[in-house]
Amino acid sequence: MIVTFYTKENCPLCEKGYKEVSAFAREKRLSINKIDIYSDDTLLEKFQLMIPVVYYQSHELGFGQLNADELVDRFNQIEKEK
């Protein structure tokens, strides 16, 4: 399973967020697909003020100040709803 991490270069908040996403992904045994929002105009328009943003499938797990525990909680909630 894959979690998507939307980011951009030279973003200290994204660097901190990636550490949190990495911890979450390790715990849940997920792969991380890291995407720079500047690679696609649609992504740039959608996420410009929200990055970093984390998605699992079509569900937003979190954005901005990320926390691994909160990502795990949201992931677990989504998995229960299936």
C-alpha atoms as a PDB file:
ATOM      1  CA  MET A   1       0.000   0.000   0.000  1.00  0.00           C
ATOM      2  CA  ILE A   2       1.108   3.527  -0.736  1.00  0.00           C
ATOM      3  CA  VAL A   3       0.706   6.866   0.995  1.00  0.00           C
ATOM      4  CA  THR A   4       1.178  10.014  -1.119  1.00  0.00           C
ATOM      5  CA  PHE A   5       3.165  12.932   0.271  1.00  0.00           C
ATOM      6  CA  TYR A   6       2.676  16.229  -1.585  1.00  0.00           C
ATOM      7  CA  THR A   7       5.562  18.636  -1.060  1.00  0.00           C
ATOM      8  CA  LYS A   8       7.776  21.256  -2.681  1.00  0.00           C
ATOM      9  CA  GLU A   9      11.483  22.058  -2.647  1.00  0.00           C
ATOM     10  CA  ASN A  10      12.980  24.367  -0.021  1.00  0.00           C
ATOM     11  CA  CYS A  11      10.110  23.848   2.401  1.00  0.00           C
ATOM     12  CA  PRO A  12      11.218  23.400   6.038  1.00  0.00           C
ATOM     13  CA  LEU A  13       7.696  22.417   7.091  1.00  0.00           C
ATOM     14  CA  CYS A  14       7.722  19.715   4.402  1.00  0.00           C
ATOM     15  CA  GLU A  15      11.062  18.382   5.628  1.00  0.00           C
ATOM     16  CA  LYS A  16       9.706  18.087   9.174  1.00  0.00           C
ATOM     17  CA  GLY A  17       6.491  16.588   7.848  1.00  0.00           C
ATOM     18  CA  TYR A  18       8.361  13.970   5.843  1.00  0.00           C
ATOM     19  CA  LYS A  19       9.993  12.694   9.027  1.00  0.00           C
ATOM     20  CA  GLU A  20       6.541  12.266  10.568  1.00  0.00           C
ATOM     21  CA  VAL A  21       5.180  10.568   7.451  1.00  0.00           C
ATOM     22  CA  SER A  22       8.194   8.247   7.379  1.00  0.00           C
ATOM     23  CA  ALA A  23       7.564   7.195  10.987  1.00  0.00           C
ATOM     24  CA  PHE A  24       3.881   6.604  10.223  1.00  0.00           C
ATOM     25  CA  ALA A  25       4.686   4.663   7.040  1.00  0.00           C
ATOM     26  CA  ARG A  26       7.165   2.423   8.862  1.00  0.00           C
ATOM     27  CA  GLU A  27       4.597   1.604  11.537  1.00  0.00           C
ATOM     28  CA  LYS A  28       1.893   0.760   8.999  1.00  0.00           C
ATOM     29  CA  ARG A  29       4.302  -0.803   6.468  1.00  0.00           C
ATOM     30  CA  LEU A  30       3.403   1.628   3.709  1.00  0.00           C
ATOM     31  CA  SER A  31       5.470   2.959   0.828  1.00  0.00           C
ATOM     32  CA  ILE A  32       5.706   6.716   0.316  1.00  0.00           C
ATOM     33  CA  ASN A  33       5.111   8.332  -3.060  1.00  0.00           C
ATOM     34  CA  LYS A  34       6.666  11.812  -2.781  1.00  0.00           C
ATOM     35  CA  ILE A  35       5.280  14.333  -5.303  1.00  0.00           C
ATOM     36  CA  ASP A  36       6.441  17.912  -5.839  1.00  0.00           C
ATOM     37  CA  ILE A  37       3.335  20.060  -6.378  1.00  0.00           C
ATOM     38  CA  TYR A  38       5.301  22.198  -8.846  1.00  0.00           C
ATOM     39  CA  SER A  39       5.404  19.197 -11.220  1.00  0.00           C
ATOM     40  CA  ASP A  40       1.719  19.681 -12.094  1.00  0.00           C
ATOM     41  CA  ASP A  41      -0.292  22.915 -12.350  1.00  0.00           C
ATOM     42  CA  THR A  42      -3.407  21.190 -10.986  1.00  0.00           C
ATOM     43  CA  LEU A  43      -1.545  20.041  -7.876  1.00  0.00           C
ATOM     44  CA  LEU A  44      -0.022  23.476  -7.436  1.00  0.00           C
ATOM     45  CA  GLU A  45      -3.450  25.106  -7.555  1.00  0.00           C
ATOM     46  CA  LYS A  46      -4.989  22.522  -5.212  1.00  0.00           C
ATOM     47  CA  PHE A  47      -2.271  22.311  -2.551  1.00  0.00           C
ATOM     48  CA  GLN A  48      -0.276  25.544  -2.756  1.00  0.00           C
ATOM     49  CA  LEU A  49      -1.273  26.836   0.673  1.00  0.00           C
ATOM     50  CA  MET A  50      -1.714  23.450   2.363  1.00  0.00           C
ATOM     51  CA  ILE A  51       1.595  21.635   1.902  1.00  0.00           C
ATOM     52  CA  PRO A  52       2.757  19.282   3.059  1.00  0.00           C
ATOM     53  CA  VAL A  53      -0.304  17.119   2.433  1.00  0.00           C
ATOM     54  CA  VAL A  54      -0.640  13.363   2.977  1.00  0.00           C
ATOM     55  CA  TYR A  55      -3.147  11.131   1.194  1.00  0.00           C
ATOM     56  CA  TYR A  56      -3.955   7.471   1.516  1.00  0.00           C
ATOM     57  CA  GLN A  57      -5.970   6.270  -1.461  1.00  0.00           C
ATOM     58  CA  SER A  58      -8.480   9.098  -1.956  1.00  0.00           C
ATOM     59  CA  HIS A  59      -8.483  10.182   1.707  1.00  0.00           C
ATOM     60  CA  GLU A  60      -6.601  13.131   3.130  1.00  0.00           C
ATOM     61  CA  LEU A  61      -4.749  12.046   6.250  1.00  0.00           C
ATOM     62  CA  GLY A  62      -3.372  15.443   7.170  1.00  0.00           C
ATOM     63  CA  PHE A  63      -1.706  18.649   6.048  1.00  0.00           C
ATOM     64  CA  GLY A  64       0.488  21.435   7.391  1.00  0.00           C
ATOM     65  CA  GLN A  65       1.902  20.545  10.807  1.00  0.00           C
ATOM     66  CA  LEU A  66       1.961  16.749  10.533  1.00  0.00           C
ATOM     67  CA  ASN A  67       2.128  14.334  13.449  1.00  0.00           C
ATOM     68  CA  ALA A  68       2.796  10.591  13.037  1.00  0.00           C
ATOM     69  CA  ASP A  69       0.321   9.617  15.789  1.00  0.00           C
ATOM     70  CA  GLU A  70      -2.459  11.661  14.191  1.00  0.00           C
ATOM     71  CA  LEU A  71      -1.691  10.114  10.801  1.00  0.00           C
ATOM     72  CA  VAL A  72      -1.936   6.630  12.340  1.00  0.00           C
ATOM     73  CA  ASP A  73      -5.267   7.513  13.988  1.00  0.00           C
ATOM     74  CA  ARG A  74      -6.728   8.844  10.729  1.00  0.00           C
ATOM     75  CA  PHE A  75      -5.420   5.837   8.785  1.00  0.00           C
ATOM     76  CA  ASN A  76      -6.981   3.438  11.295  1.00  0.00           C
ATOM     77  CA  GLN A  77     -10.291   5.310  11.085  1.00  0.00           C
ATOM     78  CA  ILE A  78     -10.299   4.998   7.281  1.00  0.00           C
ATOM     79  CA  GLU A  79      -9.452   1.307   7.435  1.00  0.00           C
ATOM     80  CA  LYS A  80     -12.326   0.661   9.879  1.00  0.00           C
ATOM     81  CA  GLU A  81     -14.799   2.361   7.510  1.00  0.00           C
ATOM     82  CA  LYS A  82     -14.002  -0.074   4.688  1.00  0.00           C
END
